[in-house]
């Protein structure tokens, strides 16, 4: 017996569009961003802000992610954020940089002043 499921891609696209955030700016690699994440501690909720450089971006409609890198106490920390998550309250761009690559993984091997990127003035 042969079963065939005819799923129209427009139906999936419409369902995903309901959950997408409308006021998200286009984040690019090399930008320094501040991300506010809603954290639940017991029965209280608070917003924790973390700052870092976007080193990669993965575009896949609702599952769009960005990887943010920062250095804390001489240890590099990378975190992947789901942009359209309801836990993300704000994403602010603090600085734009001039880059020539799509992924900035080479920053992992550098430390100190070597991690600086040229600033792009808008």
PDB file of N, CA and C in Angstrom:
ATOM      1  N   UNK A   1       0.826  -1.166   0.000  1.00  0.00           N
ATOM      2  CA  UNK A   1       0.000   0.000   0.000  1.00  0.00           C
ATOM      3  C   UNK A   1       0.887   1.252   0.000  1.00  0.00           C
ATOM      4  N   UNK A   2       0.531   2.230  -0.772  1.00  0.00           N
ATOM      5  CA  UNK A   2       1.321   3.434  -0.894  1.00  0.00           C
ATOM      6  C   UNK A   2       0.561   4.599  -0.270  1.00  0.00           C
ATOM      7  N   UNK A   3       1.225   5.267   0.659  1.00  0.00           N
ATOM      8  CA  UNK A   3       0.634   6.453   1.272  1.00  0.00           C
ATOM      9  C   UNK A   3       1.375   7.673   0.755  1.00  0.00           C
ATOM     10  N   UNK A   4       0.646   8.677   0.399  1.00  0.00           N
ATOM     11  CA  UNK A   4       1.288   9.920  -0.018  1.00  0.00           C
ATOM     12  C   UNK A   4       0.654  11.077   0.727  1.00  0.00           C
ATOM     13  N   UNK A   5       1.505  11.893   1.243  1.00  0.00           N
ATOM     14  CA  UNK A   5       1.048  13.064   1.984  1.00  0.00           C
ATOM     15  C   UNK A   5       1.382  14.284   1.143  1.00  0.00           C
ATOM     16  N   UNK A   6       0.380  15.050   0.838  1.00  0.00           N
ATOM     17  CA  UNK A   6       0.571  16.258   0.051  1.00  0.00           C
ATOM     18  C   UNK A   6       0.569  17.453   0.993  1.00  0.00           C
ATOM     19  N   UNK A   7       1.767  17.906   1.349  1.00  0.00           N
ATOM     20  CA  UNK A   7       1.894  19.044   2.240  1.00  0.00           C
ATOM     21  C   UNK A   7       2.271  20.250   1.400  1.00  0.00           C
ATOM     22  N   UNK A   8       1.463  21.237   1.474  1.00  0.00           N
ATOM     23  CA  UNK A   8       1.723  22.457   0.740  1.00  0.00           C
ATOM     24  C   UNK A   8       2.710  23.302   1.540  1.00  0.00           C
ATOM     25  N   UNK A   9       3.800  23.732   0.926  1.00  0.00           N
ATOM     26  CA  UNK A   9       4.816  24.498   1.642  1.00  0.00           C
ATOM     27  C   UNK A   9       4.283  25.859   2.090  1.00  0.00           C
ATOM     28  N   UNK A  10       3.267  26.355   1.430  1.00  0.00           N
ATOM     29  CA  UNK A  10       2.686  27.632   1.843  1.00  0.00           C
ATOM     30  C   UNK A  10       2.019  27.526   3.200  1.00  0.00           C
ATOM     31  N   UNK A  11       1.465  26.361   3.526  1.00  0.00           N
ATOM     32  CA  UNK A  11       0.821  26.174   4.825  1.00  0.00           C
ATOM     33  C   UNK A  11       1.869  26.264   5.930  1.00  0.00           C
ATOM     34  N   UNK A  12       2.991  25.606   5.741  1.00  0.00           N
ATOM     35  CA  UNK A  12       4.065  25.651   6.740  1.00  0.00           C
ATOM     36  C   UNK A  12       4.613  27.063   6.861  1.00  0.00           C
ATOM     37  N   UNK A  13       4.790  27.730   5.745  1.00  0.00           N
ATOM     38  CA  UNK A  13       5.296  29.100   5.742  1.00  0.00           C
ATOM     39  C   UNK A  13       4.350  30.027   6.506  1.00  0.00           C
ATOM     40  N   UNK A  14       3.042  29.870   6.320  1.00  0.00           N
ATOM     41  CA  UNK A  14       2.062  30.712   7.011  1.00  0.00           C
ATOM     42  C   UNK A  14       2.070  30.467   8.516  1.00  0.00           C
ATOM     43  N   UNK A  15       2.202  29.203   8.909  1.00  0.00           N
ATOM     44  CA  UNK A  15       2.236  28.885  10.337  1.00  0.00           C
ATOM     45  C   UNK A  15       3.493  29.465  10.988  1.00  0.00           C
ATOM     46  N   UNK A  16       4.640  29.344  10.308  1.00  0.00           N
ATOM     47  CA  UNK A  16       5.881  29.887  10.860  1.00  0.00           C
ATOM     48  C   UNK A  16       5.845  31.406  10.942  1.00  0.00           C
ATOM     49  N   UNK A  17       5.183  32.054  10.001  1.00  0.00           N
ATOM     50  CA  UNK A  17       5.116  33.516  10.011  1.00  0.00           C
ATOM     51  C   UNK A  17       4.353  34.061  11.208  1.00  0.00           C
ATOM     52  N   UNK A  18       3.463  33.271  11.791  1.00  0.00           N
ATOM     53  CA  UNK A  18       2.735  33.718  12.979  1.00  0.00           C
ATOM     54  C   UNK A  18       3.678  33.914  14.160  1.00  0.00           C
ATOM     55  N   UNK A  19       4.743  33.117  14.227  1.00  0.00           N
ATOM     56  CA  UNK A  19       5.642  33.141  15.374  1.00  0.00           C
ATOM     57  C   UNK A  19       6.898  33.964  15.142  1.00  0.00           C
ATOM     58  N   UNK A  20       7.094  34.479  13.944  1.00  0.00           N
ATOM     59  CA  UNK A  20       8.264  35.296  13.658  1.00  0.00           C
ATOM     60  C   UNK A  20       8.112  36.678  14.269  1.00  0.00           C
ATOM     61  N   UNK A  21       9.221  37.220  14.728  1.00  0.00           N
ATOM     62  CA  UNK A  21       9.214  38.588  15.242  1.00  0.00           C
ATOM     63  C   UNK A  21       9.305  39.539  14.061  1.00  0.00           C
ATOM     64  N   UNK A  22       8.495  40.568  14.081  1.00  0.00           N
ATOM     65  CA  UNK A  22       8.417  41.485  12.947  1.00  0.00           C
ATOM     66  C   UNK A  22       9.472  42.590  13.013  1.00  0.00           C
ATOM     67  N   UNK A  23       9.825  43.029  14.223  1.00  0.00           N
ATOM     68  CA  UNK A  23      10.693  44.201  14.357  1.00  0.00           C
ATOM     69  C   UNK A  23      12.156  43.829  14.573  1.00  0.00           C
ATOM     70  N   UNK A  24      12.588  42.722  13.984  1.00  0.00           N
ATOM     71  CA  UNK A  24      13.988  42.299  14.103  1.00  0.00           C
ATOM     72  C   UNK A  24      14.787  42.903  12.960  1.00  0.00           C
ATOM     73  N   UNK A  25      15.875  43.578  13.314  1.00  0.00           N
ATOM     74  CA  UNK A  25      16.758  44.118  12.283  1.00  0.00           C
ATOM     75  C   UNK A  25      17.599  42.977  11.725  1.00  0.00           C
ATOM     76  N   UNK A  26      18.174  43.202  10.581  1.00  0.00           N
ATOM     77  CA  UNK A  26      19.006  42.184   9.956  1.00  0.00           C
ATOM     78  C   UNK A  26      20.371  42.185  10.625  1.00  0.00           C
ATOM     79  N   UNK A  27      20.665  41.147  11.389  1.00  0.00           N
ATOM     80  CA  UNK A  27      21.955  41.042  12.078  1.00  0.00           C
ATOM     81  C   UNK A  27      22.993  40.470  11.124  1.00  0.00           C
ATOM     82  N   UNK A  28      24.185  41.039  11.142  1.00  0.00           N
ATOM     83  CA  UNK A  28      25.247  40.583  10.265  1.00  0.00           C
ATOM     84  C   UNK A  28      26.456  40.198  11.105  1.00  0.00           C
ATOM     85  N   UNK A  29      27.330  39.420  10.498  1.00  0.00           N
ATOM     86  CA  UNK A  29      28.549  39.030  11.180  1.00  0.00           C
ATOM     87  C   UNK A  29      29.426  40.253  11.396  1.00  0.00           C
ATOM     88  N   UNK A  30      30.147  40.262  12.501  1.00  0.00           N
ATOM     89  CA  UNK A  30      31.039  41.374  12.799  1.00  0.00           C
ATOM     90  C   UNK A  30      30.407  42.467  13.621  1.00  0.00           C
ATOM     91  N   UNK A  31      29.120  42.432  13.842  1.00  0.00           N
ATOM     92  CA  UNK A  31      28.466  43.459  14.640  1.00  0.00           C
ATOM     93  C   UNK A  31      28.562  43.106  16.118  1.00  0.00           C
ATOM     94  N   UNK A  32      28.765  44.138  16.932  1.00  0.00           N
ATOM     95  CA  UNK A  32      28.742  43.944  18.373  1.00  0.00           C
ATOM     96  C   UNK A  32      27.298  44.200  18.815  1.00  0.00           C
ATOM     97  N   UNK A  33      26.711  43.223  19.503  1.00  0.00           N
ATOM     98  CA  UNK A  33      25.300  43.307  19.875  1.00  0.00           C
ATOM     99  C   UNK A  33      25.128  43.130  21.371  1.00  0.00           C
ATOM    100  N   UNK A  34      24.028  43.704  21.874  1.00  0.00           N
ATOM    101  CA  UNK A  34      23.569  43.468  23.242  1.00  0.00           C
ATOM    102  C   UNK A  34      22.267  42.685  23.130  1.00  0.00           C
ATOM    103  N   UNK A  35      22.225  41.529  23.769  1.00  0.00           N
ATOM    104  CA  UNK A  35      21.047  40.673  23.699  1.00  0.00           C
ATOM    105  C   UNK A  35      20.436  40.564  25.087  1.00  0.00           C
ATOM    106  N   UNK A  36      19.152  40.873  25.185  1.00  0.00           N
ATOM    107  CA  UNK A  36      18.427  40.738  26.439  1.00  0.00           C
ATOM    108  C   UNK A  36      17.654  39.436  26.446  1.00  0.00           C
ATOM    109  N   UNK A  37      17.961  38.566  27.410  1.00  0.00           N
ATOM    110  CA  UNK A  37      17.332  37.260  27.511  1.00  0.00           C
ATOM    111  C   UNK A  37      16.506  37.215  28.792  1.00  0.00           C
ATOM    112  N   UNK A  38      15.278  36.743  28.689  1.00  0.00           N
ATOM    113  CA  UNK A  38      14.383  36.623  29.830  1.00  0.00           C
ATOM    114  C   UNK A  38      14.752  35.363  30.609  1.00  0.00           C
ATOM    115  N   UNK A  39      15.115  35.527  31.879  1.00  0.00           N
ATOM    116  CA  UNK A  39      15.540  34.408  32.718  1.00  0.00           C
ATOM    117  C   UNK A  39      14.574  34.275  33.875  1.00  0.00           C
ATOM    118  N   UNK A  40      14.170  33.038  34.139  1.00  0.00           N
ATOM    119  CA  UNK A  40      13.246  32.776  35.235  1.00  0.00           C
ATOM    120  C   UNK A  40      14.026  32.203  36.407  1.00  0.00           C
ATOM    121  N   UNK A  41      13.917  32.862  37.557  1.00  0.00           N
ATOM    122  CA  UNK A  41      14.569  32.409  38.781  1.00  0.00           C
ATOM    123  C   UNK A  41      13.492  32.232  39.836  1.00  0.00           C
ATOM    124  N   UNK A  42      13.155  30.992  40.125  1.00  0.00           N
ATOM    125  CA  UNK A  42      12.069  30.730  41.056  1.00  0.00           C
ATOM    126  C   UNK A  42      10.755  31.159  40.439  1.00  0.00           C
ATOM    127  N   UNK A  43      10.086  32.117  41.093  1.00  0.00           N
ATOM    128  CA  UNK A  43       8.836  32.631  40.532  1.00  0.00           C
ATOM    129  C   UNK A  43       8.995  34.047  39.983  1.00  0.00           C
ATOM    130  N   UNK A  44      10.241  34.515  39.882  1.00  0.00           N
ATOM    131  CA  UNK A  44      10.509  35.848  39.347  1.00  0.00           C
ATOM    132  C   UNK A  44      11.150  35.730  37.976  1.00  0.00           C
ATOM    133  N   UNK A  45      10.934  36.739  37.154  1.00  0.00           N
ATOM    134  CA  UNK A  45      11.584  36.810  35.853  1.00  0.00           C
ATOM    135  C   UNK A  45      12.366  38.105  35.764  1.00  0.00           C
ATOM    136  N   UNK A  46      13.534  38.013  35.140  1.00  0.00           N
ATOM    137  CA  UNK A  46      14.351  39.205  34.933  1.00  0.00           C
ATOM    138  C   UNK A  46      15.015  39.120  33.570  1.00  0.00           C
ATOM    139  N   UNK A  47      15.508  40.258  33.101  1.00  0.00           N
ATOM    140  CA  UNK A  47      16.179  40.311  31.804  1.00  0.00           C
ATOM    141  C   UNK A  47      17.681  40.390  32.052  1.00  0.00           C
ATOM    142  N   UNK A  48      18.413  39.438  31.485  1.00  0.00           N
ATOM    143  CA  UNK A  48      19.866  39.439  31.579  1.00  0.00           C
ATOM    144  C   UNK A  48      20.439  39.852  30.227  1.00  0.00           C
ATOM    145  N   UNK A  49      21.290  40.854  30.247  1.00  0.00           N
ATOM    146  CA  UNK A  49      21.863  41.374  29.009  1.00  0.00           C
ATOM    147  C   UNK A  49      23.280  40.843  28.858  1.00  0.00           C
ATOM    148  N   UNK A  50      23.565  40.293  27.688  1.00  0.00           N
ATOM    149  CA  UNK A  50      24.927  39.860  27.381  1.00  0.00           C
ATOM    150  C   UNK A  50      25.363  40.543  26.097  1.00  0.00           C
ATOM    151  N   UNK A  51      26.656  40.816  26.009  1.00  0.00           N
ATOM    152  CA  UNK A  51      27.194  41.559  24.870  1.00  0.00           C
ATOM    153  C   UNK A  51      28.310  40.760  24.232  1.00  0.00           C
ATOM    154  N   UNK A  52      28.389  40.811  22.906  1.00  0.00           N
ATOM    155  CA  UNK A  52      29.453  40.115  22.206  1.00  0.00           C
ATOM    156  C   UNK A  52      29.415  40.397  20.722  1.00  0.00           C
ATOM    157  N   UNK A  53      30.311  39.734  20.004  1.00  0.00           N
ATOM    158  CA  UNK A  53      30.426  39.903  18.555  1.00  0.00           C
ATOM    159  C   UNK A  53      29.732  38.739  17.865  1.00  0.00           C
ATOM    160  N   UNK A  54      28.930  39.054  16.851  1.00  0.00           N
ATOM    161  CA  UNK A  54      28.276  38.006  16.062  1.00  0.00           C
ATOM    162  C   UNK A  54      29.326  37.405  15.142  1.00  0.00           C
ATOM    163  N   UNK A  55      29.624  36.103  15.332  1.00  0.00           N
ATOM    164  CA  UNK A  55      30.646  35.480  14.489  1.00  0.00           C
ATOM    165  C   UNK A  55      30.036  34.618  13.394  1.00  0.00           C
ATOM    166  N   UNK A  56      28.757  34.231  13.538  1.00  0.00           N
ATOM    167  CA  UNK A  56      28.114  33.486  12.458  1.00  0.00           C
ATOM    168  C   UNK A  56      26.609  33.664  12.549  1.00  0.00           C
ATOM    169  N   UNK A  57      25.976  33.419  11.416  1.00  0.00           N
ATOM    170  CA  UNK A  57      24.527  33.518  11.324  1.00  0.00           C
ATOM    171  C   UNK A  57      24.030  32.354  10.486  1.00  0.00           C
ATOM    172  N   UNK A  58      22.958  31.739  10.928  1.00  0.00           N
ATOM    173  CA  UNK A  58      22.362  30.622  10.203  1.00  0.00           C
ATOM    174  C   UNK A  58      20.934  31.009   9.841  1.00  0.00           C
ATOM    175  N   UNK A  59      20.672  31.256   8.570  1.00  0.00           N
ATOM    176  CA  UNK A  59      19.340  31.647   8.124  1.00  0.00           C
ATOM    177  C   UNK A  59      18.522  30.419   7.783  1.00  0.00           C
ATOM    178  N   UNK A  60      17.472  30.184   8.513  1.00  0.00           N
ATOM    179  CA  UNK A  60      16.550  29.116   8.144  1.00  0.00           C
ATOM    180  C   UNK A  60      15.160  29.469   8.639  1.00  0.00           C
ATOM    181  N   UNK A  61      14.647  30.586   8.120  1.00  0.00           N
ATOM    182  CA  UNK A  61      13.295  31.036   8.377  1.00  0.00           C
ATOM    183  C   UNK A  61      13.041  31.227   9.871  1.00  0.00           C
ATOM    184  N   UNK A  62      12.210  30.396  10.478  1.00  0.00           N
ATOM    185  CA  UNK A  62      11.866  30.565  11.890  1.00  0.00           C
ATOM    186  C   UNK A  62      13.032  30.161  12.792  1.00  0.00           C
ATOM    187  N   UNK A  63      13.885  29.256  12.335  1.00  0.00           N
ATOM    188  CA  UNK A  63      14.995  28.755  13.137  1.00  0.00           C
ATOM    189  C   UNK A  63      16.290  29.525  12.894  1.00  0.00           C
ATOM    190  N   UNK A  64      16.199  30.795  12.609  1.00  0.00           N
ATOM    191  CA  UNK A  64      17.379  31.615  12.378  1.00  0.00           C
ATOM    192  C   UNK A  64      18.142  31.792  13.688  1.00  0.00           C
ATOM    193  N   UNK A  65      19.443  31.507  13.650  1.00  0.00           N
ATOM    194  CA  UNK A  65      20.269  31.626  14.847  1.00  0.00           C
ATOM    195  C   UNK A  65      21.470  32.507  14.572  1.00  0.00           C
ATOM    196  N   UNK A  66      21.988  33.091  15.651  1.00  0.00           N
ATOM    197  CA  UNK A  66      23.253  33.814  15.578  1.00  0.00           C
ATOM    198  C   UNK A  66      24.152  33.273  16.683  1.00  0.00           C
ATOM    199  N   UNK A  67      25.442  33.210  16.406  1.00  0.00           N
ATOM    200  CA  UNK A  67      26.423  32.799  17.405  1.00  0.00           C
ATOM    201  C   UNK A  67      27.165  34.038  17.864  1.00  0.00           C
ATOM    202  N   UNK A  68      27.154  34.266  19.173  1.00  0.00           N
ATOM    203  CA  UNK A  68      27.755  35.464  19.753  1.00  0.00           C
ATOM    204  C   UNK A  68      28.952  35.039  20.600  1.00  0.00           C
ATOM    205  N   UNK A  69      30.070  35.706  20.405  1.00  0.00           N
ATOM    206  CA  UNK A  69      31.303  35.389  21.128  1.00  0.00           C
ATOM    207  C   UNK A  69      31.719  36.581  21.976  1.00  0.00           C
ATOM    208  N   UNK A  70      32.122  36.288  23.205  1.00  0.00           N
ATOM    209  CA  UNK A  70      32.693  37.301  24.078  1.00  0.00           C
ATOM    210  C   UNK A  70      33.781  36.650  24.917  1.00  0.00           C
ATOM    211  N   UNK A  71      34.645  37.458  25.499  1.00  0.00           N
ATOM    212  CA  UNK A  71      35.734  36.956  26.321  1.00  0.00           C
ATOM    213  C   UNK A  71      35.468  37.364  27.762  1.00  0.00           C
ATOM    214  N   UNK A  72      35.397  36.370  28.650  1.00  0.00           N
ATOM    215  CA  UNK A  72      35.202  36.612  30.070  1.00  0.00           C
ATOM    216  C   UNK A  72      36.379  36.028  30.838  1.00  0.00           C
ATOM    217  N   UNK A  73      37.107  36.864  31.559  1.00  0.00           N
ATOM    218  CA  UNK A  73      38.247  36.443  32.363  1.00  0.00           C
ATOM    219  C   UNK A  73      39.223  35.592  31.549  1.00  0.00           C
ATOM    220  N   UNK A  74      39.557  36.079  30.362  1.00  0.00           N
ATOM    221  CA  UNK A  74      40.502  35.434  29.438  1.00  0.00           C
ATOM    222  C   UNK A  74      40.038  34.080  28.925  1.00  0.00           C
ATOM    223  N   UNK A  75      38.757  33.828  28.971  1.00  0.00           N
ATOM    224  CA  UNK A  75      38.193  32.589  28.423  1.00  0.00           C
ATOM    225  C   UNK A  75      37.133  32.991  27.407  1.00  0.00           C
ATOM    226  N   UNK A  76      37.244  32.481  26.177  1.00  0.00           N
ATOM    227  CA  UNK A  76      36.271  32.782  25.137  1.00  0.00           C
ATOM    228  C   UNK A  76      34.993  31.985  25.352  1.00  0.00           C
ATOM    229  N   UNK A  77      33.863  32.680  25.293  1.00  0.00           N
ATOM    230  CA  UNK A  77      32.561  32.045  25.492  1.00  0.00           C
ATOM    231  C   UNK A  77      31.708  32.322  24.261  1.00  0.00           C
ATOM    232  N   UNK A  78      31.141  31.269  23.689  1.00  0.00           N
ATOM    233  CA  UNK A  78      30.249  31.419  22.543  1.00  0.00           C
ATOM    234  C   UNK A  78      28.888  30.871  22.906  1.00  0.00           C
ATOM    235  N   UNK A  79      27.864  31.564  22.459  1.00  0.00           N
ATOM    236  CA  UNK A  79      26.510  31.111  22.732  1.00  0.00           C
ATOM    237  C   UNK A  79      25.678  31.290  21.467  1.00  0.00           C
ATOM    238  N   UNK A  80      24.817  30.324  21.201  1.00  0.00           N
ATOM    239  CA  UNK A  80      23.938  30.367  20.039  1.00  0.00           C
ATOM    240  C   UNK A  80      22.565  30.829  20.501  1.00  0.00           C
ATOM    241  N   UNK A  81      22.055  31.875  19.867  1.00  0.00           N
ATOM    242  CA  UNK A  81      20.751  32.431  20.216  1.00  0.00           C
ATOM    243  C   UNK A  81      19.772  32.206  19.068  1.00  0.00           C
ATOM    244  N   UNK A  82      18.591  31.753  19.390  1.00  0.00           N
ATOM    245  CA  UNK A  82      17.502  31.621  18.433  1.00  0.00           C
ATOM    246  C   UNK A  82      16.808  32.980  18.373  1.00  0.00           C
ATOM    247  N   UNK A  83      16.899  33.658  17.248  1.00  0.00           N
ATOM    248  CA  UNK A  83      16.450  35.051  17.152  1.00  0.00           C
ATOM    249  C   UNK A  83      14.955  35.212  17.417  1.00  0.00           C
ATOM    250  N   UNK A  84      14.141  34.309  16.906  1.00  0.00           N
ATOM    251  CA  UNK A  84      12.694  34.453  17.025  1.00  0.00           C
ATOM    252  C   UNK A  84      12.127  33.818  18.293  1.00  0.00           C
ATOM    253  N   UNK A  85      12.980  33.479  19.239  1.00  0.00           N
ATOM    254  CA  UNK A  85      12.530  32.884  20.501  1.00  0.00           C
ATOM    255  C   UNK A  85      11.772  33.914  21.327  1.00  0.00           C
ATOM    256  N   UNK A  86      10.720  33.496  22.024  1.00  0.00           N
ATOM    257  CA  UNK A  86      10.010  34.442  22.898  1.00  0.00           C
ATOM    258  C   UNK A  86      10.840  34.847  24.115  1.00  0.00           C
ATOM    259  N   UNK A  87      11.914  34.135  24.414  1.00  0.00           N
ATOM    260  CA  UNK A  87      12.790  34.458  25.537  1.00  0.00           C
ATOM    261  C   UNK A  87      13.711  35.642  25.232  1.00  0.00           C
ATOM    262  N   UNK A  88      13.943  35.929  23.969  1.00  0.00           N
ATOM    263  CA  UNK A  88      14.786  37.061  23.572  1.00  0.00           C
ATOM    264  C   UNK A  88      13.910  38.306  23.564  1.00  0.00           C
ATOM    265  N   UNK A  89      14.254  39.274  24.415  1.00  0.00           N
ATOM    266  CA  UNK A  89      13.425  40.475  24.505  1.00  0.00           C
ATOM    267  C   UNK A  89      13.940  41.602  23.629  1.00  0.00           C
ATOM    268  N   UNK A  90      15.269  41.709  23.487  1.00  0.00           N
ATOM    269  CA  UNK A  90      15.819  42.802  22.688  1.00  0.00           C
ATOM    270  C   UNK A  90      17.153  42.393  22.102  1.00  0.00           C
ATOM    271  N   UNK A  91      17.431  42.930  20.937  1.00  0.00           N
ATOM    272  CA  UNK A  91      18.745  42.780  20.312  1.00  0.00           C
ATOM    273  C   UNK A  91      19.131  44.155  19.788  1.00  0.00           C
ATOM    274  N   UNK A  92      20.140  44.752  20.401  1.00  0.00           N
ATOM    275  CA  UNK A  92      20.584  46.086  20.015  1.00  0.00           C
ATOM    276  C   UNK A  92      21.979  46.012  19.421  1.00  0.00           C
ATOM    277  N   UNK A  93      22.184  46.706  18.315  1.00  0.00           N
ATOM    278  CA  UNK A  93      23.496  46.773  17.683  1.00  0.00           C
ATOM    279  C   UNK A  93      24.236  47.957  18.286  1.00  0.00           C
ATOM    280  N   UNK A  94      25.413  47.699  18.872  1.00  0.00           N
ATOM    281  CA  UNK A  94      26.184  48.780  19.466  1.00  0.00           C
ATOM    282  C   UNK A  94      27.316  49.255  18.563  1.00  0.00           C
ATOM    283  N   UNK A  95      27.785  48.370  17.681  1.00  0.00           N
ATOM    284  CA  UNK A  95      28.901  48.739  16.807  1.00  0.00           C
ATOM    285  C   UNK A  95      28.889  47.857  15.572  1.00  0.00           C
ATOM    286  N   UNK A  96      29.181  48.451  14.418  1.00  0.00           N
ATOM    287  CA  UNK A  96      29.279  47.691  13.172  1.00  0.00           C
ATOM    288  C   UNK A  96      30.730  47.641  12.742  1.00  0.00           C
ATOM    289  N   UNK A  97      31.119  46.507  12.182  1.00  0.00           N
ATOM    290  CA  UNK A  97      32.505  46.329  11.755  1.00  0.00           C
ATOM    291  C   UNK A  97      32.581  45.987  10.283  1.00  0.00           C
ATOM    292  N   UNK A  98      33.738  46.296   9.717  1.00  0.00           N
ATOM    293  CA  UNK A  98      33.985  46.035   8.308  1.00  0.00           C
ATOM    294  C   UNK A  98      34.645  44.665   8.201  1.00  0.00           C
ATOM    295  N   UNK A  99      33.964  43.720   7.564  1.00  0.00           N
ATOM    296  CA  UNK A  99      34.498  42.364   7.447  1.00  0.00           C
ATOM    297  C   UNK A  99      34.397  41.897   6.008  1.00  0.00           C
ATOM    298  N   UNK A 100      35.131  40.827   5.704  1.00  0.00           N
ATOM    299  CA  UNK A 100      35.125  40.304   4.341  1.00  0.00           C
ATOM    300  C   UNK A 100      34.804  38.819   4.305  1.00  0.00           C
ATOM    301  N   UNK A 101      34.337  38.273   5.414  1.00  0.00           N
ATOM    302  CA  UNK A 101      34.022  36.851   5.473  1.00  0.00           C
ATOM    303  C   UNK A 101      32.616  36.646   6.020  1.00  0.00           C
ATOM    304  N   UNK A 102      32.051  35.488   5.709  1.00  0.00           N
ATOM    305  CA  UNK A 102      30.714  35.168   6.183  1.00  0.00           C
ATOM    306  C   UNK A 102      30.735  34.608   7.603  1.00  0.00           C
ATOM    307  N   UNK A 103      31.791  33.897   7.950  1.00  0.00           N
ATOM    308  CA  UNK A 103      31.939  33.324   9.293  1.00  0.00           C
ATOM    309  C   UNK A 103      33.260  33.812   9.877  1.00  0.00           C
ATOM    310  N   UNK A 104      33.222  34.258  11.114  1.00  0.00           N
ATOM    311  CA  UNK A 104      34.410  34.828  11.745  1.00  0.00           C
ATOM    312  C   UNK A 104      35.019  33.862  12.760  1.00  0.00           C
ATOM    313  N   UNK A 105      35.134  32.599  12.377  1.00  0.00           N
ATOM    314  CA  UNK A 105      35.658  31.594  13.288  1.00  0.00           C
ATOM    315  C   UNK A 105      37.135  31.799  13.586  1.00  0.00           C
ATOM    316  N   UNK A 106      37.834  32.570  12.767  1.00  0.00           N
ATOM    317  CA  UNK A 106      39.255  32.798  13.003  1.00  0.00           C
ATOM    318  C   UNK A 106      39.494  33.603  14.272  1.00  0.00           C
ATOM    319  N   UNK A 107      38.462  34.265  14.803  1.00  0.00           N
ATOM    320  CA  UNK A 107      38.618  35.020  16.042  1.00  0.00           C
ATOM    321  C   UNK A 107      38.852  34.105  17.243  1.00  0.00           C
ATOM    322  N   UNK A 108      38.516  32.828  17.112  1.00  0.00           N
ATOM    323  CA  UNK A 108      38.719  31.874  18.198  1.00  0.00           C
ATOM    324  C   UNK A 108      40.200  31.686  18.505  1.00  0.00           C
ATOM    325  N   UNK A 109      41.039  31.800  17.490  1.00  0.00           N
ATOM    326  CA  UNK A 109      42.467  31.558  17.663  1.00  0.00           C
ATOM    327  C   UNK A 109      43.242  32.810  18.043  1.00  0.00           C
ATOM    328  N   UNK A 110      42.587  33.920  18.164  1.00  0.00           N
ATOM    329  CA  UNK A 110      43.261  35.175  18.465  1.00  0.00           C
ATOM    330  C   UNK A 110      42.903  35.647  19.862  1.00  0.00           C
ATOM    331  N   UNK A 111      43.778  36.463  20.415  1.00  0.00           N
ATOM    332  CA  UNK A 111      43.507  36.998  21.747  1.00  0.00           C
ATOM    333  C   UNK A 111      44.016  38.428  21.827  1.00  0.00           C
ATOM    334  N   UNK A 112      43.472  39.167  22.750  1.00  0.00           N
ATOM    335  CA  UNK A 112      43.912  40.540  22.984  1.00  0.00           C
ATOM    336  C   UNK A 112      43.536  41.487  21.867  1.00  0.00           C
ATOM    337  N   UNK A 113      44.508  42.310  21.484  1.00  0.00           N
ATOM    338  CA  UNK A 113      44.239  43.314  20.458  1.00  0.00           C
ATOM    339  C   UNK A 113      44.048  42.718  19.078  1.00  0.00           C
ATOM    340  N   UNK A 114      44.456  41.477  18.876  1.00  0.00           N
ATOM    341  CA  UNK A 114      44.308  40.829  17.571  1.00  0.00           C
ATOM    342  C   UNK A 114      42.846  40.521  17.249  1.00  0.00           C
ATOM    343  N   UNK A 115      41.986  40.579  18.253  1.00  0.00           N
ATOM    344  CA  UNK A 115      40.566  40.279  18.011  1.00  0.00           C
ATOM    345  C   UNK A 115      39.778  41.510  17.581  1.00  0.00           C
ATOM    346  N   UNK A 116      40.438  42.662  17.542  1.00  0.00           N
ATOM    347  CA  UNK A 116      39.728  43.880  17.161  1.00  0.00           C
ATOM    348  C   UNK A 116      39.353  43.849  15.677  1.00  0.00           C
ATOM    349  N   UNK A 117      38.188  44.361  15.367  1.00  0.00           N
ATOM    350  CA  UNK A 117      37.730  44.475  13.977  1.00  0.00           C
ATOM    351  C   UNK A 117      37.639  45.964  13.633  1.00  0.00           C
ATOM    352  N   UNK A 118      37.888  46.289  12.368  1.00  0.00           N
ATOM    353  CA  UNK A 118      37.793  47.684  11.949  1.00  0.00           C
ATOM    354  C   UNK A 118      36.353  48.158  12.010  1.00  0.00           C
ATOM    355  N   UNK A 119      36.155  49.303  12.610  1.00  0.00           N
ATOM    356  CA  UNK A 119      34.811  49.826  12.756  1.00  0.00           C
ATOM    357  C   UNK A 119      34.336  50.438  11.457  1.00  0.00           C
ATOM    358  N   UNK A 120      33.051  50.195  11.151  1.00  0.00           N
ATOM    359  CA  UNK A 120      32.438  50.769   9.968  1.00  0.00           C
ATOM    360  C   UNK A 120      31.537  51.905  10.427  1.00  0.00           C
ATOM    361  N   UNK A 121      31.810  53.108   9.954  1.00  0.00           N
ATOM    362  CA  UNK A 121      31.015  54.268  10.327  1.00  0.00           C
ATOM    363  C   UNK A 121      29.868  54.407   9.344  1.00  0.00           C
ATOM    364  N   UNK A 122      28.673  54.537   9.877  1.00  0.00           N
ATOM    365  CA  UNK A 122      27.483  54.614   9.023  1.00  0.00           C
ATOM    366  C   UNK A 122      27.116  56.038   8.761  1.00  0.00           C
TER     367      UNK A 122
END
